[in-house]
Amino acid sequence: MIGGDTCSSKGGLAISVTAIGEQLPQLVVQRSGARPGDLIFVTGTIGDSALGLELLRHGEKIGPLISRHLDPEPRLSAGIAWQRRVWQLP
């Protein structure tokens, strides 16, 4: 075998997907670029994922907080709207 993923599952089918893309370097926003006085915008509830992880560590298997940890929802529309506003894109 050349390249690829190898994995096993006791629960049946496992699918692995890799997405590769590019972004204009000037449009990439990284946390390391934050400076004192910068504005921070948050979508969703702060701490839900951390609480979900803590519940998993204590043996819980299901629940909305666990879902927030295991299946985070990317807030793409908010990110795109913010980026258009900052970079004054159409």
N, C-alpha and C. Protein backbone atom coordinates (compact mmCIF):
# COMPACT_ATOMS: atom_id res chain seq x y z
N MET A 1 0.85 -1.17 0.00
CA MET A 1 0.00 0.00 0.00
C MET A 1 0.89 1.23 0.00
N ILE A 2 0.51 2.20 -0.78
CA ILE A 2 1.24 3.46 -0.85
C ILE A 2 0.31 4.58 -0.41
N GLY A 3 0.67 5.28 0.68
CA GLY A 3 -0.13 6.40 1.16
C GLY A 3 -1.47 5.97 1.73
N GLY A 4 -2.30 6.93 2.05
CA GLY A 4 -3.65 6.65 2.55
C GLY A 4 -3.72 6.48 4.04
N ASP A 5 -4.94 6.28 4.51
CA ASP A 5 -5.22 6.07 5.94
C ASP A 5 -5.48 4.60 6.19
N THR A 6 -5.03 4.12 7.31
CA THR A 6 -5.45 2.79 7.75
C THR A 6 -6.12 2.97 9.10
N CYS A 7 -7.26 2.34 9.28
CA CYS A 7 -7.98 2.45 10.53
C CYS A 7 -8.87 1.23 10.71
N SER A 8 -9.29 1.02 11.94
CA SER A 8 -10.21 -0.08 12.21
C SER A 8 -11.33 0.43 13.09
N SER A 9 -12.43 -0.31 13.07
CA SER A 9 -13.58 0.09 13.85
C SER A 9 -14.34 -1.15 14.29
N LYS A 10 -14.69 -1.22 15.55
CA LYS A 10 -15.53 -2.30 16.05
C LYS A 10 -16.99 -2.06 15.69
N GLY A 11 -17.29 -0.83 15.29
CA GLY A 11 -18.67 -0.46 15.00
C GLY A 11 -19.05 -0.53 13.54
N GLY A 12 -18.16 -0.95 12.65
CA GLY A 12 -18.52 -1.06 11.24
C GLY A 12 -17.68 -0.17 10.36
N LEU A 13 -18.33 0.47 9.42
CA LEU A 13 -17.68 1.27 8.40
C LEU A 13 -17.00 2.51 8.99
N ALA A 14 -15.79 2.79 8.52
CA ALA A 14 -15.08 4.01 8.90
C ALA A 14 -14.70 4.74 7.62
N ILE A 15 -15.01 6.01 7.55
CA ILE A 15 -14.70 6.80 6.36
C ILE A 15 -13.77 7.93 6.78
N SER A 16 -12.69 8.09 6.03
CA SER A 16 -11.73 9.15 6.30
C SER A 16 -11.68 10.08 5.09
N VAL A 17 -11.79 11.36 5.33
CA VAL A 17 -11.81 12.33 4.24
C VAL A 17 -10.73 13.37 4.50
N THR A 18 -9.99 13.72 3.48
CA THR A 18 -8.99 14.78 3.56
C THR A 18 -9.35 15.87 2.56
N ALA A 19 -9.44 17.08 3.03
CA ALA A 19 -9.72 18.21 2.15
C ALA A 19 -8.49 19.11 2.10
N ILE A 20 -8.09 19.46 0.91
CA ILE A 20 -6.91 20.29 0.73
C ILE A 20 -7.34 21.54 -0.04
N GLY A 21 -6.88 22.67 0.40
CA GLY A 21 -7.24 23.90 -0.28
C GLY A 21 -6.21 24.98 -0.02
N GLU A 22 -6.46 26.13 -0.55
CA GLU A 22 -5.56 27.27 -0.39
C GLU A 22 -6.36 28.50 0.01
N GLN A 23 -5.69 29.43 0.64
CA GLN A 23 -6.30 30.69 1.04
C GLN A 23 -5.30 31.80 0.76
N LEU A 24 -5.80 32.96 0.43
CA LEU A 24 -4.92 34.11 0.26
C LEU A 24 -4.30 34.44 1.62
N PRO A 25 -2.98 34.51 1.71
CA PRO A 25 -2.34 34.74 3.00
C PRO A 25 -2.85 35.98 3.73
N GLN A 26 -3.17 37.04 3.00
CA GLN A 26 -3.64 38.27 3.64
C GLN A 26 -5.04 38.13 4.24
N LEU A 27 -5.77 37.06 3.91
CA LEU A 27 -7.11 36.85 4.45
C LEU A 27 -7.13 35.88 5.62
N VAL A 28 -6.00 35.27 5.92
CA VAL A 28 -5.94 34.31 7.02
C VAL A 28 -5.84 35.08 8.34
N VAL A 29 -6.74 34.78 9.26
CA VAL A 29 -6.74 35.41 10.57
C VAL A 29 -6.35 34.34 11.59
N GLN A 30 -5.27 34.57 12.30
CA GLN A 30 -4.80 33.61 13.29
C GLN A 30 -4.88 34.22 14.68
N ARG A 31 -5.08 33.35 15.67
CA ARG A 31 -5.14 33.84 17.05
C ARG A 31 -3.83 34.50 17.46
N SER A 32 -2.72 34.04 16.90
CA SER A 32 -1.41 34.60 17.26
C SER A 32 -1.27 36.06 16.84
N GLY A 33 -2.17 36.52 15.96
CA GLY A 33 -2.12 37.90 15.52
C GLY A 33 -2.88 38.87 16.41
N ALA A 34 -3.52 38.35 17.47
CA ALA A 34 -4.30 39.21 18.36
C ALA A 34 -3.39 40.16 19.14
N ARG A 35 -3.88 41.35 19.34
CA ARG A 35 -3.14 42.39 20.08
C ARG A 35 -4.06 43.01 21.13
N PRO A 36 -3.50 43.56 22.20
CA PRO A 36 -4.34 44.25 23.18
C PRO A 36 -5.17 45.33 22.50
N GLY A 37 -6.44 45.38 22.86
CA GLY A 37 -7.35 46.35 22.26
C GLY A 37 -8.15 45.79 21.10
N ASP A 38 -7.78 44.61 20.58
CA ASP A 38 -8.55 43.99 19.50
C ASP A 38 -9.92 43.58 20.02
N LEU A 39 -10.89 43.61 19.14
CA LEU A 39 -12.24 43.15 19.49
C LEU A 39 -12.30 41.64 19.30
N ILE A 40 -13.05 40.97 20.17
CA ILE A 40 -13.26 39.53 20.08
C ILE A 40 -14.76 39.30 19.90
N PHE A 41 -15.11 38.52 18.88
CA PHE A 41 -16.50 38.20 18.62
C PHE A 41 -16.70 36.71 18.83
N VAL A 42 -17.77 36.35 19.50
CA VAL A 42 -18.05 34.96 19.82
C VAL A 42 -19.42 34.59 19.29
N THR A 43 -19.51 33.42 18.66
CA THR A 43 -20.80 32.86 18.29
C THR A 43 -20.98 31.60 19.12
N GLY A 44 -22.19 31.30 19.47
CA GLY A 44 -22.43 30.12 20.31
C GLY A 44 -22.20 30.43 21.78
N THR A 45 -22.15 29.38 22.56
CA THR A 45 -21.99 29.52 24.00
C THR A 45 -20.58 29.14 24.41
N ILE A 46 -19.91 30.01 25.10
CA ILE A 46 -18.54 29.74 25.56
C ILE A 46 -18.59 28.65 26.63
N GLY A 47 -17.72 27.64 26.47
CA GLY A 47 -17.57 26.60 27.47
C GLY A 47 -18.36 25.32 27.22
N ASP A 48 -19.25 25.31 26.23
CA ASP A 48 -20.04 24.10 25.98
C ASP A 48 -19.16 22.90 25.67
N SER A 49 -18.17 23.08 24.81
CA SER A 49 -17.30 21.97 24.43
C SER A 49 -16.51 21.46 25.63
N ALA A 50 -15.99 22.38 26.43
CA ALA A 50 -15.23 21.98 27.62
C ALA A 50 -16.10 21.19 28.59
N LEU A 51 -17.34 21.61 28.75
CA LEU A 51 -18.25 20.87 29.62
C LEU A 51 -18.59 19.50 29.03
N GLY A 52 -18.74 19.43 27.71
CA GLY A 52 -18.99 18.16 27.05
C GLY A 52 -17.83 17.20 27.25
N LEU A 53 -16.61 17.70 27.13
CA LEU A 53 -15.42 16.87 27.36
C LEU A 53 -15.39 16.37 28.80
N GLU A 54 -15.70 17.24 29.72
CA GLU A 54 -15.71 16.85 31.14
C GLU A 54 -16.75 15.76 31.39
N LEU A 55 -17.92 15.88 30.76
CA LEU A 55 -18.94 14.84 30.90
C LEU A 55 -18.46 13.51 30.33
N LEU A 56 -17.78 13.55 29.19
CA LEU A 56 -17.23 12.33 28.60
C LEU A 56 -16.22 11.69 29.55
N ARG A 57 -15.39 12.51 30.16
CA ARG A 57 -14.38 11.99 31.10
C ARG A 57 -15.01 11.35 32.33
N HIS A 58 -16.24 11.74 32.63
CA HIS A 58 -16.94 11.17 33.78
C HIS A 58 -17.92 10.06 33.37
N GLY A 59 -17.79 9.56 32.14
CA GLY A 59 -18.55 8.41 31.72
C GLY A 59 -19.85 8.66 30.99
N GLU A 60 -20.25 9.92 30.85
CA GLU A 60 -21.47 10.22 30.09
C GLU A 60 -21.23 9.87 28.62
N LYS A 61 -22.29 9.46 27.93
CA LYS A 61 -22.15 9.05 26.54
C LYS A 61 -22.89 9.95 25.55
N ILE A 62 -24.00 10.53 25.98
CA ILE A 62 -24.80 11.35 25.06
C ILE A 62 -25.27 12.62 25.76
N GLY A 63 -25.68 13.57 24.98
CA GLY A 63 -26.22 14.82 25.51
C GLY A 63 -25.80 15.98 24.63
N PRO A 64 -26.50 17.11 24.75
CA PRO A 64 -26.22 18.25 23.88
C PRO A 64 -24.81 18.83 24.06
N LEU A 65 -24.30 18.82 25.28
CA LEU A 65 -22.95 19.36 25.49
C LEU A 65 -21.89 18.43 24.91
N ILE A 66 -22.13 17.14 25.01
CA ILE A 66 -21.21 16.18 24.41
C ILE A 66 -21.22 16.33 22.90
N SER A 67 -22.39 16.55 22.34
CA SER A 67 -22.48 16.79 20.89
C SER A 67 -21.73 18.04 20.49
N ARG A 68 -21.79 19.07 21.32
CA ARG A 68 -21.06 20.31 21.01
C ARG A 68 -19.56 20.05 20.99
N HIS A 69 -19.09 19.10 21.81
CA HIS A 69 -17.67 18.77 21.84
C HIS A 69 -17.27 17.87 20.67
N LEU A 70 -18.06 16.82 20.44
CA LEU A 70 -17.70 15.83 19.42
C LEU A 70 -18.02 16.28 18.00
N ASP A 71 -19.04 17.10 17.83
CA ASP A 71 -19.47 17.56 16.51
C ASP A 71 -19.60 19.07 16.49
N PRO A 72 -18.48 19.79 16.59
CA PRO A 72 -18.58 21.25 16.60
C PRO A 72 -19.17 21.77 15.29
N GLU A 73 -19.95 22.81 15.40
CA GLU A 73 -20.61 23.40 14.23
C GLU A 73 -19.85 24.64 13.79
N PRO A 74 -19.21 24.57 12.64
CA PRO A 74 -18.49 25.77 12.18
C PRO A 74 -19.48 26.88 11.84
N ARG A 75 -19.24 28.05 12.34
CA ARG A 75 -20.11 29.20 12.09
C ARG A 75 -19.61 29.93 10.84
N LEU A 76 -19.72 29.25 9.70
CA LEU A 76 -19.17 29.78 8.46
C LEU A 76 -19.80 31.09 8.04
N SER A 77 -21.12 31.19 8.15
CA SER A 77 -21.78 32.42 7.70
C SER A 77 -21.31 33.62 8.52
N ALA A 78 -21.12 33.43 9.83
CA ALA A 78 -20.64 34.53 10.67
C ALA A 78 -19.20 34.89 10.30
N GLY A 79 -18.37 33.89 10.05
CA GLY A 79 -16.98 34.15 9.67
C GLY A 79 -16.87 34.85 8.33
N ILE A 80 -17.67 34.42 7.38
CA ILE A 80 -17.65 35.04 6.06
C ILE A 80 -18.15 36.49 6.14
N ALA A 81 -19.22 36.71 6.89
CA ALA A 81 -19.74 38.07 7.04
C ALA A 81 -18.71 38.98 7.70
N TRP A 82 -18.05 38.47 8.73
CA TRP A 82 -17.02 39.26 9.42
C TRP A 82 -15.87 39.57 8.49
N GLN A 83 -15.42 38.58 7.75
CA GLN A 83 -14.28 38.78 6.86
C GLN A 83 -14.62 39.77 5.75
N ARG A 84 -15.82 39.70 5.22
CA ARG A 84 -16.22 40.66 4.18
C ARG A 84 -16.24 42.08 4.73
N ARG A 85 -16.70 42.20 5.95
CA ARG A 85 -16.77 43.53 6.56
C ARG A 85 -15.38 44.09 6.80
N VAL A 86 -14.49 43.26 7.35
CA VAL A 86 -13.13 43.71 7.66
C VAL A 86 -12.35 44.06 6.39
N TRP A 87 -12.45 43.18 5.39
CA TRP A 87 -11.68 43.39 4.17
C TRP A 87 -12.47 44.14 3.11
N GLN A 88 -13.70 44.57 3.45
CA GLN A 88 -14.56 45.35 2.56
C GLN A 88 -14.72 44.64 1.21
N LEU A 89 -15.09 43.35 1.30
CA LEU A 89 -15.33 42.55 0.10
C LEU A 89 -16.81 42.55 -0.21
N PRO A 90 -17.19 42.32 -1.47
CA PRO A 90 -18.61 42.28 -1.83
C PRO A 90 -19.31 41.05 -1.26
